[in-house]
Protein backbone atom coordinates (compact mmCIF):
# COMPACT_ATOMS: atom_id res chain seq x y z
CA ARG A 1 13.35 7.79 -314.71
CA GLU A 2 17.08 8.11 -315.40
CA THR A 3 17.63 6.83 -312.07
CA THR A 4 15.30 3.88 -312.18
CA SER A 5 16.59 2.62 -315.60
CA GLU A 6 20.29 2.59 -315.10
CA PRO A 7 20.36 0.28 -312.19
CA THR A 8 19.13 -2.23 -314.42
CA VAL A 9 22.01 -1.53 -317.07
CA VAL A 10 24.47 -1.70 -314.42
CA ARG A 11 22.88 -5.26 -313.07
CA GLU A 12 22.74 -6.76 -316.73
CA ASN A 13 26.33 -5.43 -317.28
CA ALA A 14 27.93 -6.81 -313.98
CA ALA A 15 28.73 -9.81 -315.39
CA ASN A 16 31.25 -8.46 -317.75
CA PRO A 17 34.75 -7.52 -316.65
CA ILE A 18 35.36 -4.60 -318.69
CA SER A 19 32.24 -2.78 -317.89
CA VAL A 20 32.69 -3.10 -314.21
CA PRO A 21 36.08 -1.52 -313.72
CA SER A 22 34.56 1.54 -315.91
CA GLN A 23 32.03 2.04 -313.51
CA ASP A 24 34.39 3.49 -310.79
CA LEU A 25 35.96 6.14 -313.17
CA SER A 26 35.19 9.84 -313.50
CA GLN A 27 33.55 11.67 -316.43
CA THR A 28 37.03 13.25 -317.26
CA GLU A 29 38.70 10.19 -317.10
CA THR A 30 36.55 8.33 -319.09
CA LYS A 31 36.57 11.17 -322.03
CA SER A 32 40.68 11.16 -321.90
CA GLU A 33 41.02 7.51 -321.67
CA PRO A 34 38.45 5.84 -323.43
CA ASN A 35 41.29 2.82 -324.89
CA ALA A 36 42.34 1.88 -321.16
CA VAL A 37 39.54 -0.68 -321.00
CA VAL A 38 40.05 -2.17 -324.40
CA VAL A 39 43.56 -2.44 -324.41
CA PRO A 40 44.65 -6.27 -324.49
CA PRO A 41 46.87 -6.32 -322.04
CA LEU A 42 44.70 -5.15 -319.09
CA LYS A 43 42.18 -7.89 -320.35
CA GLU A 44 44.24 -10.55 -319.85
CA ASN A 45 44.46 -9.55 -316.08
CA ALA A 46 40.68 -8.44 -315.88
CA ALA A 47 39.80 -11.62 -314.17
CA GLU A 48 41.92 -10.86 -311.08
CA PRO A 49 41.50 -6.88 -310.63
CA ILE A 50 37.85 -7.31 -310.45
CA SER A 51 37.98 -8.60 -307.02
CA VAL A 52 38.88 -5.54 -305.25
CA LEU A 53 36.18 -3.06 -307.45
CA ASN A 54 33.46 -1.75 -306.37
CA LYS A 55 29.81 -2.63 -306.76
CA ASP A 56 27.70 -0.04 -305.35
CA LEU A 57 28.24 3.27 -307.21
CA SER A 58 26.58 6.78 -306.57
CA GLU A 59 24.02 8.10 -308.74
CA ASN A 60 26.51 10.64 -310.04
CA GLU A 61 28.84 7.83 -311.49
CA THR A 62 26.19 5.69 -312.76
CA THR A 63 24.33 8.86 -314.50
CA SER A 64 27.65 10.14 -315.89
CA GLU A 65 28.76 6.86 -317.57
CA PRO A 66 26.19 5.68 -319.87
CA PRO A 67 28.02 4.75 -322.72
CA THR A 68 30.91 2.50 -320.76
CA VAL A 69 28.44 0.77 -319.39
CA SER A 70 26.40 0.08 -322.60
CA VAL A 71 29.35 -0.79 -324.52
CA PRO A 72 28.45 -3.89 -326.22
CA GLN A 73 32.30 -4.74 -326.39
CA PRO A 74 31.95 -7.76 -324.19
CA GLU A 75 30.42 -9.64 -326.63
CA ALA A 76 33.66 -9.63 -328.59
CA ILE A 77 35.78 -11.40 -325.75
CA GLN A 78 36.82 -14.67 -326.07
CA PRO A 79 35.05 -17.48 -324.08
CA SER A 80 37.95 -18.02 -321.64
CA ARG A 81 37.89 -14.27 -320.55
CA ARG A 82 34.05 -14.80 -319.83
CA ARG A 83 35.14 -17.82 -317.91
CA ASN A 84 37.29 -15.76 -315.74
CA ALA A 85 34.68 -13.00 -315.60
CA ALA A 86 32.37 -15.89 -313.81
CA GLU A 87 34.92 -16.53 -311.36
CA SER A 88 35.70 -12.94 -310.45
CA ILE A 89 32.08 -11.88 -310.00
CA SER A 90 32.15 -14.08 -306.73
CA LEU A 91 34.76 -12.10 -305.43
CA LEU A 92 33.13 -8.46 -305.69
CA ARG A 93 33.15 -6.11 -303.01
CA ARG A 94 30.22 -4.40 -302.08
CA ASN A 95 31.47 -1.14 -299.78
CA VAL A 96 34.74 -0.05 -301.37
CA SER A 97 35.13 3.72 -301.69
CA PRO A 98 35.84 5.00 -305.12
CA SER A 99 38.87 6.23 -303.99
CA LYS A 100 40.29 2.68 -303.45
CA THR A 101 39.37 1.50 -306.61
CA LYS A 102 41.61 4.25 -308.51
CA TYR A 103 44.69 2.23 -307.53
CA PRO A 104 45.98 0.05 -310.43
CA PRO A 105 44.98 -3.29 -310.21
CA SER A 106 48.44 -4.98 -309.67
CA THR A 107 48.71 -3.06 -306.71
CA ALA A 108 45.45 -4.70 -305.06
CA LEU A 109 47.19 -7.91 -305.89
CA GLU A 110 50.61 -7.74 -304.42
CA PRO A 111 49.28 -8.56 -300.91
CA GLN A 112 47.80 -11.85 -301.46
CA PRO A 113 50.66 -13.78 -302.63
CA GLU A 114 53.02 -12.32 -300.44
CA ALA A 115 50.56 -12.93 -297.25
CA LYS A 116 50.70 -16.86 -297.94
CA PRO A 117 54.72 -18.01 -297.08
CA PRO A 118 54.72 -15.98 -293.97
CA GLN A 119 51.60 -18.26 -292.72
CA SER A 120 53.42 -21.27 -293.20
CA ARG A 121 56.89 -20.09 -291.85
CA SER A 122 54.55 -19.00 -288.47
CA ARG A 123 52.87 -22.63 -288.52
CA ASN A 124 56.50 -24.28 -288.88
CA SER A 125 57.77 -21.90 -286.13
CA SER A 126 55.14 -22.62 -284.11
CA GLY A 127 55.37 -26.12 -284.02
CA LEU A 128 58.82 -25.91 -283.32
CA SER A 129 58.30 -23.38 -280.26
CA SER A 130 55.45 -26.09 -278.99
CA LEU A 131 58.07 -28.53 -278.78
CA GLN A 132 60.44 -26.37 -277.02
CA ILE A 133 57.82 -25.44 -274.65
CA GLY A 134 56.86 -28.12 -273.42
CA LEU A 135 60.55 -29.57 -272.98
CA LEU A 136 60.96 -26.72 -270.92
CA LEU A 137 57.68 -27.19 -269.02
CA ILE A 138 58.95 -30.69 -268.58
CA VAL A 139 62.28 -29.80 -266.99
CA LEU A 140 60.71 -27.69 -264.66
CA SER A 141 58.34 -30.07 -263.21
CA ALA A 142 61.29 -32.74 -262.97
CA VAL A 143 63.17 -29.71 -260.76
CA LEU A 144 60.16 -28.79 -258.91
CA SER A 145 59.58 -32.58 -257.73
CA SER A 146 63.37 -32.68 -256.79
CA LEU A 147 63.02 -29.60 -254.73
CA TYR A 148 59.90 -31.12 -253.13
CA ASN A 149 61.83 -34.11 -252.20
CA VAL A 150 64.31 -32.01 -250.54
CA ALA A 151 61.77 -29.90 -248.83
CA ILE A 152 60.37 -33.04 -247.38
CA LYS A 153 63.94 -33.56 -246.10
CA ILE A 154 64.13 -30.32 -244.24
CA ILE A 155 60.97 -30.29 -242.38
CA PHE A 156 62.05 -33.91 -240.88
CA HIS A 157 65.87 -33.60 -240.52
CA GLU A 158 67.10 -32.12 -237.55
CA GLY A 159 70.12 -29.52 -238.21
CA SER A 160 69.86 -28.75 -241.63
CA GLN A 161 71.84 -25.59 -243.33
CA ILE A 162 70.40 -24.28 -246.16
CA PHE A 163 73.69 -23.60 -248.76
CA GLY A 164 75.58 -23.82 -245.83
CA VAL A 165 74.88 -20.96 -244.42
CA LEU A 166 71.22 -20.70 -242.86
CA GLU A 167 70.99 -23.07 -240.19
CA VAL A 168 66.97 -24.71 -240.18
CA GLU A 169 65.62 -26.39 -237.00
CA ARG A 170 63.62 -29.32 -237.38
CA LEU A 171 59.94 -28.75 -237.72
CA LEU A 172 58.55 -32.31 -236.83
CA PRO A 173 59.90 -35.31 -235.55
CA PRO A 174 59.75 -37.99 -238.32
CA THR A 175 56.67 -39.88 -237.02
CA LEU A 176 54.02 -41.53 -238.77
CA GLY A 177 51.29 -39.09 -236.98
CA ASN A 178 53.45 -36.02 -238.27
CA THR A 179 53.40 -37.52 -241.88
CA PHE A 180 49.77 -37.83 -241.71
CA LEU A 181 49.76 -34.13 -240.51
CA ILE A 182 51.81 -32.92 -243.21
CA LEU A 183 50.08 -34.66 -245.74
CA THR A 184 46.82 -33.44 -244.43
CA LEU A 185 47.98 -29.58 -244.47
CA ARG A 186 49.51 -30.39 -248.12
CA PHE A 187 46.08 -31.42 -249.32
CA MET A 188 44.00 -28.73 -247.58
CA VAL A 189 46.21 -26.33 -250.02
CA VAL A 190 46.18 -28.53 -253.00
CA VAL A 191 42.65 -29.55 -253.37
CA PRO A 192 40.79 -25.95 -253.23
CA LEU A 193 43.25 -24.60 -255.32
CA LEU A 194 42.64 -27.23 -257.88
CA VAL A 195 39.03 -26.94 -257.78
CA LEU A 196 39.40 -22.93 -258.48
CA LEU A 197 41.63 -23.94 -261.58
CA SER A 198 39.17 -26.61 -262.97
CA PRO A 199 37.16 -24.13 -264.94
CA ILE A 200 40.27 -23.28 -266.70
CA LEU A 201 41.81 -26.73 -267.04
CA HIS A 202 38.41 -28.73 -267.66
CA PRO A 203 35.37 -26.60 -267.96
CA THR A 204 33.07 -29.80 -267.84
CA MET A 205 35.01 -31.33 -264.88
CA TRP A 206 31.80 -30.76 -262.36
CA GLN A 207 29.45 -32.40 -265.20
CA ASP A 208 31.84 -35.40 -265.26
CA LEU A 209 31.55 -35.61 -261.28
CA GLU A 210 27.91 -35.53 -261.69
CA ASN A 211 27.51 -37.96 -264.17
CA LEU A 212 29.85 -40.36 -261.56
CA ALA A 213 27.54 -39.38 -258.93
CA ASN A 214 24.51 -40.31 -260.85
CA SER A 215 25.78 -43.76 -261.77
CA VAL A 216 26.09 -44.28 -257.80
CA ARG A 217 22.42 -43.25 -257.42
CA GLY A 218 21.13 -44.68 -260.43
CA ASN A 219 19.29 -47.83 -261.77
CA PRO A 220 21.82 -50.49 -262.37
CA THR A 221 22.05 -50.25 -266.06
CA PRO A 222 25.18 -51.32 -267.60
CA ALA A 223 26.42 -47.79 -268.67
CA ASN A 224 26.06 -47.02 -264.79
CA ALA A 225 28.00 -50.06 -263.91
CA ALA A 226 30.76 -48.78 -266.06
CA THR A 227 30.84 -45.57 -264.83
CA LYS A 228 30.54 -46.81 -261.17
CA GLN A 229 33.50 -48.96 -262.26
CA ILE A 230 35.75 -46.20 -262.93
CA LEU A 231 34.98 -44.26 -260.38
CA LEU A 232 35.48 -47.19 -257.57
CA LEU A 233 39.20 -47.66 -259.79
CA SER A 234 39.73 -43.67 -259.56
CA VAL A 235 39.21 -43.94 -255.62
CA VAL A 236 41.38 -47.37 -255.17
CA SER A 237 44.40 -45.44 -256.94
CA GLY A 238 44.13 -42.59 -254.96
CA CYS A 239 44.46 -44.81 -251.94
CA PHE A 240 47.54 -46.67 -254.00
CA LEU A 241 49.17 -42.80 -254.06
CA PHE A 242 48.48 -41.90 -250.63
CA LEU A 243 50.12 -45.26 -249.65
CA SER A 244 52.80 -44.38 -251.50
CA GLN A 245 53.13 -40.76 -250.04
CA VAL A 246 53.43 -41.94 -246.91
CA LEU A 247 56.00 -44.54 -246.97
CA ILE A 248 58.00 -41.85 -249.15
CA TYR A 249 57.97 -39.50 -246.45
CA ILE A 250 58.94 -42.16 -244.01
CA ALA A 251 62.05 -42.96 -246.36
CA ILE A 252 63.12 -39.75 -246.73
CA ALA A 253 62.89 -39.09 -242.90
CA GLN A 254 65.12 -41.92 -242.08
CA VAL A 255 67.68 -42.25 -245.22
CA THR A 256 69.18 -39.73 -247.30
CA THR A 257 67.10 -37.93 -250.17
CA GLY A 258 69.14 -39.21 -253.25
CA MET A 259 68.75 -42.84 -251.88
CA ALA A 260 65.38 -42.78 -251.32
CA ILE A 261 63.93 -41.44 -254.49
CA ALA A 262 66.80 -43.66 -256.18
CA LEU A 263 64.91 -46.92 -254.46
CA PHE A 264 61.54 -45.52 -254.92
CA PHE A 265 62.36 -45.59 -258.63
CA ILE A 266 61.74 -49.12 -258.80
CA TYR A 267 58.41 -48.66 -259.92
CA PRO A 268 59.05 -48.74 -263.86
CA MET A 269 60.24 -52.13 -263.17
CA VAL A 270 57.10 -53.10 -261.19
CA SER A 271 54.61 -51.52 -263.43
CA GLY A 272 56.14 -52.99 -266.67
CA LEU A 273 55.95 -56.65 -264.91
CA LEU A 274 52.33 -56.00 -263.97
CA SER A 275 51.92 -54.87 -267.74
CA TRP A 276 53.00 -58.11 -268.36
CA PHE A 277 50.46 -60.24 -266.29
CA LEU A 278 47.55 -57.95 -266.78
CA PHE A 279 47.58 -56.83 -269.95
CA ARG A 280 49.83 -59.39 -271.98
CA ASP A 281 52.37 -56.70 -272.39
CA ARG A 282 55.43 -58.73 -273.14
CA PRO A 283 58.49 -57.31 -272.30
CA THR A 284 61.23 -57.04 -275.15
CA THR A 285 64.97 -57.58 -275.17
CA PHE A 286 65.43 -53.61 -274.77
CA ARG A 287 62.81 -53.94 -271.79
CA ILE A 288 64.85 -56.47 -270.10
CA SER A 289 67.89 -54.94 -270.38
CA ALA A 290 66.53 -51.78 -268.55
CA ILE A 291 64.93 -54.12 -265.91
CA ALA A 292 68.58 -55.43 -265.28
CA ALA A 293 70.12 -51.84 -265.32
CA ILE A 294 67.36 -51.07 -262.48
CA CYS A 295 68.19 -53.85 -260.58
CA CYS A 296 72.18 -53.49 -260.40
CA GLY A 297 71.13 -49.69 -259.69
CA GLU A 298 69.10 -50.96 -256.76
CA LEU A 299 71.74 -53.23 -255.42
CA LEU A 300 74.33 -50.73 -255.49
CA VAL A 301 72.23 -47.66 -253.86
CA LEU A 302 71.26 -50.75 -251.30
CA GLY A 303 75.02 -51.61 -250.84
CA GLY A 304 76.34 -48.03 -249.98
CA SER A 305 77.75 -47.20 -246.82
CA PRO A 306 75.14 -45.71 -244.49
CA ASN A 307 75.46 -42.33 -243.69
CA PRO A 308 76.24 -40.89 -240.16
CA GLY A 309 73.46 -39.15 -238.43
CA MET A 310 70.63 -40.80 -240.62
CA GLY A 311 67.75 -42.84 -238.70
CA ASN A 312 66.87 -46.68 -239.68
CA THR A 313 68.44 -47.37 -242.95
CA SER A 314 66.63 -50.74 -243.14
CA MET A 315 63.20 -49.08 -242.39
CA GLY A 316 63.87 -46.31 -244.86
CA SER A 317 65.04 -48.53 -247.46
CA SER A 318 62.04 -50.86 -247.37
CA ALA A 319 59.84 -47.79 -247.02
CA ALA A 320 61.27 -46.35 -250.17
CA ILE A 321 60.71 -49.96 -252.31
CA LEU A 322 57.25 -50.61 -251.12
CA SER A 323 56.64 -46.70 -252.00
CA GLY A 324 57.75 -47.46 -255.52
CA VAL A 325 55.45 -50.76 -255.49
CA ALA A 326 52.51 -48.63 -254.47
CA PHE A 327 53.13 -46.06 -257.23
CA ALA A 328 53.43 -48.84 -259.80
CA ALA A 329 50.00 -50.09 -258.78
CA TYR A 330 48.57 -46.45 -259.11
CA ILE A 331 50.19 -46.06 -262.66
CA ILE A 332 48.42 -49.69 -263.49
CA LEU A 333 44.89 -47.65 -262.53
CA THR A 334 45.87 -44.72 -263.97
CA ARG A 335 46.21 -46.27 -267.58
CA VAL A 336 43.08 -48.64 -267.13
CA CYS A 337 40.95 -44.80 -265.89
CA ALA A 338 42.99 -42.90 -268.72
CA SER A 339 40.68 -43.58 -271.73
CA LYS A 340 37.40 -43.12 -269.92
CA LEU A 341 38.02 -40.12 -267.46
CA HIS A 342 39.60 -36.76 -268.02
CA PRO A 343 43.20 -36.62 -266.34
CA VAL A 344 41.77 -33.25 -264.20
CA THR A 345 38.60 -35.12 -262.91
CA PHE A 346 40.91 -38.07 -262.17
CA THR A 347 43.70 -36.16 -260.32
CA LEU A 348 40.72 -34.24 -258.39
CA ILE A 349 39.38 -37.50 -257.58
CA ASN A 350 42.67 -38.87 -256.11
CA PHE A 351 43.69 -36.05 -254.27
CA ALA A 352 40.32 -35.47 -252.66
CA THR A 353 40.58 -39.27 -251.43
CA MET A 354 44.38 -38.68 -250.26
CA LEU A 355 42.78 -35.68 -248.13
CA LEU A 356 40.04 -37.94 -246.61
CA LEU A 357 42.43 -40.52 -245.80
CA SER A 358 44.96 -38.23 -244.35
CA PHE A 359 42.00 -36.85 -241.98
CA ILE A 360 40.88 -40.65 -240.99
CA CYS A 361 44.25 -41.69 -240.40
CA LEU A 362 45.25 -38.54 -237.99
CA MET A 363 42.28 -39.16 -235.87
CA LEU A 364 43.57 -43.18 -235.43
CA PRO A 365 45.08 -43.89 -232.06
CA LEU A 366 48.55 -44.84 -232.51
CA PRO A 367 51.67 -45.97 -230.31
CA SER A 368 53.10 -43.16 -228.44
CA ASP A 369 56.21 -43.55 -230.60
CA TRP A 370 54.50 -43.04 -234.02
CA ASN A 371 51.80 -40.41 -232.36
CA LEU A 372 51.46 -36.85 -233.65
CA VAL A 373 54.28 -34.58 -231.87
CA VAL A 374 53.91 -31.18 -232.60
CA ASP A 375 55.87 -27.81 -231.28
CA PRO A 376 53.03 -25.12 -230.72
CA SER A 377 55.87 -22.27 -231.05
CA LYS A 378 56.32 -23.51 -234.80
CA MET A 379 53.10 -23.90 -236.15
CA LEU A 380 53.25 -21.15 -238.00
CA GLU A 381 56.49 -22.43 -239.78
CA LEU A 382 54.68 -25.57 -240.13
CA VAL A 383 51.51 -23.79 -242.04
CA LEU A 384 53.91 -22.37 -244.39
CA SER A 385 55.99 -24.93 -245.03
CA ALA A 386 52.79 -27.34 -245.64
CA PHE A 387 51.55 -24.26 -248.07
CA ILE A 388 54.67 -24.36 -250.08
CA LEU A 389 54.64 -28.10 -250.19
CA GLY A 390 51.18 -27.85 -251.67
CA VAL A 391 51.91 -25.21 -254.45
CA LEU A 392 55.16 -27.04 -255.18
CA THR A 393 52.68 -29.99 -255.59
CA LEU A 394 50.31 -28.17 -257.83
CA ALA A 395 52.58 -26.31 -259.72
CA GLY A 396 54.70 -29.81 -260.63
CA TYR A 397 51.25 -31.20 -261.81
CA LEU A 398 50.27 -28.38 -263.90
CA LEU A 399 53.54 -28.29 -265.69
CA ASN A 400 53.58 -31.78 -266.39
CA ASN A 401 50.12 -31.81 -267.84
CA VAL A 402 50.49 -28.79 -270.10
CA GLY A 403 54.03 -30.11 -271.18
CA ILE A 404 52.89 -33.80 -271.96
CA SER A 405 49.71 -31.90 -274.05
CA LYS A 406 52.93 -30.67 -276.03
CA LEU A 407 55.82 -32.81 -275.94
CA GLY A 408 54.12 -35.68 -275.76
CA GLY A 409 54.08 -38.73 -272.89
CA SER A 410 56.85 -40.83 -273.86
CA ARG A 411 59.21 -38.02 -274.32
CA SER A 412 57.87 -36.23 -271.02
CA ALA A 413 58.66 -39.56 -268.99
CA LEU A 414 62.12 -39.68 -270.35
CA ILE A 415 62.95 -36.37 -269.22
CA GLY A 416 61.01 -37.44 -265.71
CA GLY A 417 63.32 -40.32 -265.35
CA THR A 418 66.01 -37.97 -264.51
CA ILE A 419 64.52 -36.67 -261.18
CA PRO A 420 66.71 -39.12 -258.93
CA VAL A 421 69.71 -37.38 -260.30
CA LEU A 422 68.16 -34.20 -260.10
CA THR A 423 67.40 -34.95 -256.10
CA VAL A 424 70.83 -35.85 -255.46
CA ILE A 425 72.26 -32.60 -257.08
CA PHE A 426 69.45 -30.46 -255.25
CA ALA A 427 70.15 -32.38 -252.14
CA GLY A 428 73.91 -31.91 -252.34
CA LEU A 429 73.69 -28.18 -253.15
CA ILE A 430 70.68 -26.93 -250.50
CA ILE A 431 71.60 -29.36 -247.43
CA GLN A 432 75.05 -30.89 -248.05
CA GLU A 433 73.85 -34.26 -248.40
CA ASN A 434 76.22 -36.40 -250.12
CA LEU A 435 76.04 -40.12 -251.23
CA ASP A 436 79.26 -42.45 -251.83
CA ILE A 437 80.65 -43.23 -255.11
CA ILE A 438 79.00 -46.45 -255.10
CA GLN A 439 75.45 -45.22 -254.53
CA ILE A 440 75.88 -42.50 -256.90
CA LEU A 441 76.59 -45.16 -259.64
CA GLY A 442 73.43 -46.69 -258.62
CA VAL A 443 71.65 -43.47 -259.05
CA LEU A 444 72.85 -43.51 -262.63
CA LEU A 445 71.98 -46.76 -263.21
CA VAL A 446 68.42 -46.54 -262.05
CA THR A 447 68.25 -43.36 -264.07
CA PHE A 448 69.21 -44.67 -267.11
CA GLY A 449 66.92 -47.85 -266.60
CA ALA A 450 63.90 -45.51 -265.80
CA ALA A 451 64.67 -43.61 -268.97
CA ALA A 452 65.12 -47.01 -271.36
CA PHE A 453 61.64 -48.04 -270.24
CA SER A 454 60.20 -44.28 -271.56
CA PHE A 455 62.91 -44.54 -274.96
CA GLU A 456 61.36 -47.99 -275.81
CA THR A 457 57.71 -46.87 -275.24
CA MET A 458 58.76 -43.73 -277.82
CA ARG A 459 60.17 -46.03 -280.19
CA ASN A 460 57.25 -48.56 -280.34
CA GLN A 461 54.80 -45.60 -280.91
CA VAL A 462 56.83 -44.46 -283.78
CA LYS A 463 57.22 -48.12 -285.62
CA PRO A 464 53.71 -48.75 -286.33
CA SER A 465 53.26 -45.09 -287.60
CA SER A 466 56.35 -45.23 -290.45
CA PRO A 467 54.87 -47.74 -292.72
CA THR A 468 51.74 -45.40 -293.49
CA ASN A 469 53.92 -42.25 -293.51
């Protein structure tokens, strides 16, 4: 009978901030310290200590403390304390051992205010570290892109010396058929690796591809027509990227690596002009100055004295400029598809298109001077070189993708504009390929002009958001 009546008393007094602490005391403690529950200083803080007190008591404790449970002292408590009691009841714990409730109320409250400031510090530090990580990833991506350009030169250049010590023979003559072969072997590495990494990069990539395929097979509804258009633009952009790669391979094989990359970086100027005509993105005075800097740099690079031992300088220069124009068209199409297709899906479509085009072009009949010329004894080195090119391509893409998500597209493009300078530096260090002073000035002007485009984009993004902040 006592056990059935006692819980009802406990429930009735559960709303009292004074009776709940008394339930956790032993029988000797309630006899020796009866005033500990009634002292006013403890009543003022009764609203917060209750949040760590136990609500489930053993039968011995409930039966040994009937006076404390049924004490009618809460009737004399001020209304404000009753309000605090109502707030504290929602924070009661049910599974706290009696040994834990014997701690003073102040010790239970100390960790709560101390835990909040470290959280804010960790957020600030994580924000700073995110920018630093993004900066590091974009810098590594630019370094890998520069090393990739030097690796292409080593494959086609005759008698290269790595760091002036290691003599490396030319793996392939710089013919058009060999260019198709290198691209085919390279994307045979890139495409499978990207497919394997797709569940991590973009888990719903296969769903995106299925939707694109259904838009082609389905009825000609407006939604399917729009999806089909995005698929078509993605394939066309892959064609432009393939053309750009073929031309830059030819340019690197014919002229110095730094000169070819500097001429290739005409694409910011071309993409800006195309944006003006297609999207009514009128250039500002700052952008016109950047275009002027790029034009002057290109003229200085072209006006430099040709290096001895190089191939057809005019053909290499023209191929580099046309490669930049094709890459600018690829950027415009990327801008159209970016808002409607995930970057990983878009990139996989581009790479698969380039692999298919490489296979097709490799089987085309070409003139004898442009045909495929491969030394069977160097086939292993060729496959290994193609694998290295594929790894550098995919690693540069992944680092650039993750870095853009952390640093931002405009800042990333600002750092990516340093690729011509980095290519000249690495080409000079690794294969001792040097430019004259006029060409070096041209490379610097091209770099500053490309960086100015990115800086203006970043400044235009900040201006609209400043009034709202």
